[in-house]
Amino acid sequence: MNSEARRDFDRWFEEHYEELLRTAKALHPDAYDLIHETYLAVHRALKRNPRIADNFGGYINTALWKLSQGDFRKLYARGNA
């Protein structure tokens, strides 16, 4: 991902942070960890597929959902057991 795409992603994420946080709160008890894990996951995915930038909202909300139901939930349960 080039620096312009990274700036676009960061700007979009910052502008929509509160909305994403509300969604994360509905999906997981530790919304802040979930949203930051999602940020990192999407950042890694953008390196592989720059077309994600065409629909940040859809991709990030899908990533929030998938992480809250899959890997992140498992890691969170294991870490807090």
C-alpha atoms as a PDB file:
ATOM      1  CA  MET A   1       0.000   0.000   0.000  1.00  0.00           C
ATOM      2  CA  ASN A   2       1.395   3.372  -0.911  1.00  0.00           C
ATOM      3  CA  SER A   3       1.473   6.277   1.501  1.00  0.00           C
ATOM      4  CA  GLU A   4      -1.497   8.016  -0.126  1.00  0.00           C
ATOM      5  CA  ALA A   5      -3.673   4.924   0.263  1.00  0.00           C
ATOM      6  CA  ARG A   6      -2.540   4.616   3.886  1.00  0.00           C
ATOM      7  CA  ARG A   7      -3.480   8.262   4.560  1.00  0.00           C
ATOM      8  CA  ASP A   8      -6.885   7.708   2.933  1.00  0.00           C
ATOM      9  CA  PHE A   9      -7.487   4.640   5.066  1.00  0.00           C
ATOM     10  CA  ASP A  10      -6.396   6.353   8.277  1.00  0.00           C
ATOM     11  CA  ARG A  11      -8.517   9.408   7.495  1.00  0.00           C
ATOM     12  CA  TRP A  12     -11.578   7.261   6.770  1.00  0.00           C
ATOM     13  CA  PHE A  13     -11.035   5.251   9.945  1.00  0.00           C
ATOM     14  CA  GLU A  14     -10.695   8.371  12.094  1.00  0.00           C
ATOM     15  CA  GLU A  15     -13.799   9.980  10.567  1.00  0.00           C
ATOM     16  CA  HIS A  16     -15.888   6.863  11.206  1.00  0.00           C
ATOM     17  CA  TYR A  17     -14.339   5.771  14.494  1.00  0.00           C
ATOM     18  CA  GLU A  18     -17.365   6.506  16.696  1.00  0.00           C
ATOM     19  CA  GLU A  19     -19.701   4.658  14.333  1.00  0.00           C
ATOM     20  CA  LEU A  20     -17.326   1.697  14.179  1.00  0.00           C
ATOM     21  CA  LEU A  21     -17.040   1.740  17.954  1.00  0.00           C
ATOM     22  CA  ARG A  22     -20.830   1.523  18.325  1.00  0.00           C
ATOM     23  CA  THR A  23     -20.841  -1.478  16.010  1.00  0.00           C
ATOM     24  CA  ALA A  24     -17.955  -3.085  17.900  1.00  0.00           C
ATOM     25  CA  LYS A  25     -19.775  -2.568  21.223  1.00  0.00           C
ATOM     26  CA  ALA A  26     -22.735  -4.506  19.862  1.00  0.00           C
ATOM     27  CA  LEU A  27     -20.460  -7.366  18.821  1.00  0.00           C
ATOM     28  CA  HIS A  28     -18.017  -7.808  21.690  1.00  0.00           C
ATOM     29  CA  PRO A  29     -17.573  -6.839  25.350  1.00  0.00           C
ATOM     30  CA  ASP A  30     -14.162  -5.282  24.676  1.00  0.00           C
ATOM     31  CA  ALA A  31     -15.052  -3.041  21.765  1.00  0.00           C
ATOM     32  CA  TYR A  32     -11.800  -1.075  21.836  1.00  0.00           C
ATOM     33  CA  ASP A  33      -9.652  -4.172  21.425  1.00  0.00           C
ATOM     34  CA  LEU A  34     -11.933  -5.449  18.678  1.00  0.00           C
ATOM     35  CA  ILE A  35     -11.858  -2.220  16.719  1.00  0.00           C
ATOM     36  CA  HIS A  36      -8.082  -1.923  16.951  1.00  0.00           C
ATOM     37  CA  GLU A  37      -7.582  -5.554  15.962  1.00  0.00           C
ATOM     38  CA  THR A  38      -9.871  -4.863  13.004  1.00  0.00           C
ATOM     39  CA  TYR A  39      -7.793  -1.822  12.045  1.00  0.00           C
ATOM     40  CA  LEU A  40      -4.666  -3.975  11.948  1.00  0.00           C
ATOM     41  CA  ALA A  41      -6.379  -6.761  10.011  1.00  0.00           C
ATOM     42  CA  VAL A  42      -7.710  -4.339   7.393  1.00  0.00           C
ATOM     43  CA  HIS A  43      -4.335  -2.647   7.141  1.00  0.00           C
ATOM     44  CA  ARG A  44      -2.718  -6.015   6.380  1.00  0.00           C
ATOM     45  CA  ALA A  45      -5.464  -6.851   3.883  1.00  0.00           C
ATOM     46  CA  LEU A  46      -5.001  -3.521   2.086  1.00  0.00           C
ATOM     47  CA  LYS A  47      -1.393  -4.453   1.394  1.00  0.00           C
ATOM     48  CA  ARG A  48      -2.620  -7.575  -0.411  1.00  0.00           C
ATOM     49  CA  ASN A  49      -5.680  -6.083  -2.091  1.00  0.00           C
ATOM     50  CA  PRO A  50      -5.775  -2.319  -2.707  1.00  0.00           C
ATOM     51  CA  ARG A  51      -9.315  -2.577  -4.124  1.00  0.00           C
ATOM     52  CA  ILE A  52     -10.581  -2.700  -0.551  1.00  0.00           C
ATOM     53  CA  ALA A  53     -10.227   1.083  -0.665  1.00  0.00           C
ATOM     54  CA  ASP A  54     -13.226   1.152  -3.015  1.00  0.00           C
ATOM     55  CA  ASN A  55     -15.494   0.218  -0.088  1.00  0.00           C
ATOM     56  CA  PHE A  56     -13.799   0.773   3.276  1.00  0.00           C
ATOM     57  CA  GLY A  57     -17.099   0.769   5.158  1.00  0.00           C
ATOM     58  CA  GLY A  58     -18.311  -2.557   3.878  1.00  0.00           C
ATOM     59  CA  TYR A  59     -14.981  -4.261   4.276  1.00  0.00           C
ATOM     60  CA  ILE A  60     -14.331  -2.947   7.787  1.00  0.00           C
ATOM     61  CA  ASN A  61     -17.812  -3.800   9.052  1.00  0.00           C
ATOM     62  CA  THR A  62     -17.472  -7.294   7.617  1.00  0.00           C
ATOM     63  CA  ALA A  63     -14.057  -7.627   9.254  1.00  0.00           C
ATOM     64  CA  LEU A  64     -15.514  -6.478  12.593  1.00  0.00           C
ATOM     65  CA  TRP A  65     -18.171  -9.161  12.349  1.00  0.00           C
ATOM     66  CA  LYS A  66     -15.806 -11.935  11.286  1.00  0.00           C
ATOM     67  CA  LEU A  67     -13.254 -11.152  13.973  1.00  0.00           C
ATOM     68  CA  SER A  68     -15.909 -10.917  16.672  1.00  0.00           C
ATOM     69  CA  GLN A  69     -17.239 -14.343  15.713  1.00  0.00           C
ATOM     70  CA  GLY A  70     -13.983 -16.094  14.919  1.00  0.00           C
ATOM     71  CA  ASP A  71     -10.305 -15.636  15.645  1.00  0.00           C
ATOM     72  CA  PHE A  72     -10.522 -12.585  17.889  1.00  0.00           C
ATOM     73  CA  ARG A  73     -13.252 -14.139  20.019  1.00  0.00           C
ATOM     74  CA  LYS A  74     -11.153 -17.287  20.442  1.00  0.00           C
ATOM     75  CA  LEU A  75      -8.047 -15.295  21.365  1.00  0.00           C
ATOM     76  CA  TYR A  76     -10.023 -13.121  23.761  1.00  0.00           C
ATOM     77  CA  ALA A  77     -11.618 -16.145  25.471  1.00  0.00           C
ATOM     78  CA  ARG A  78      -8.260 -17.879  25.819  1.00  0.00           C
ATOM     79  CA  GLY A  79      -6.599 -14.744  27.209  1.00  0.00           C
ATOM     80  CA  ASN A  80      -9.356 -14.058  29.739  1.00  0.00           C
ATOM     81  CA  ALA A  81      -9.995 -17.623  30.846  1.00  0.00           C
END
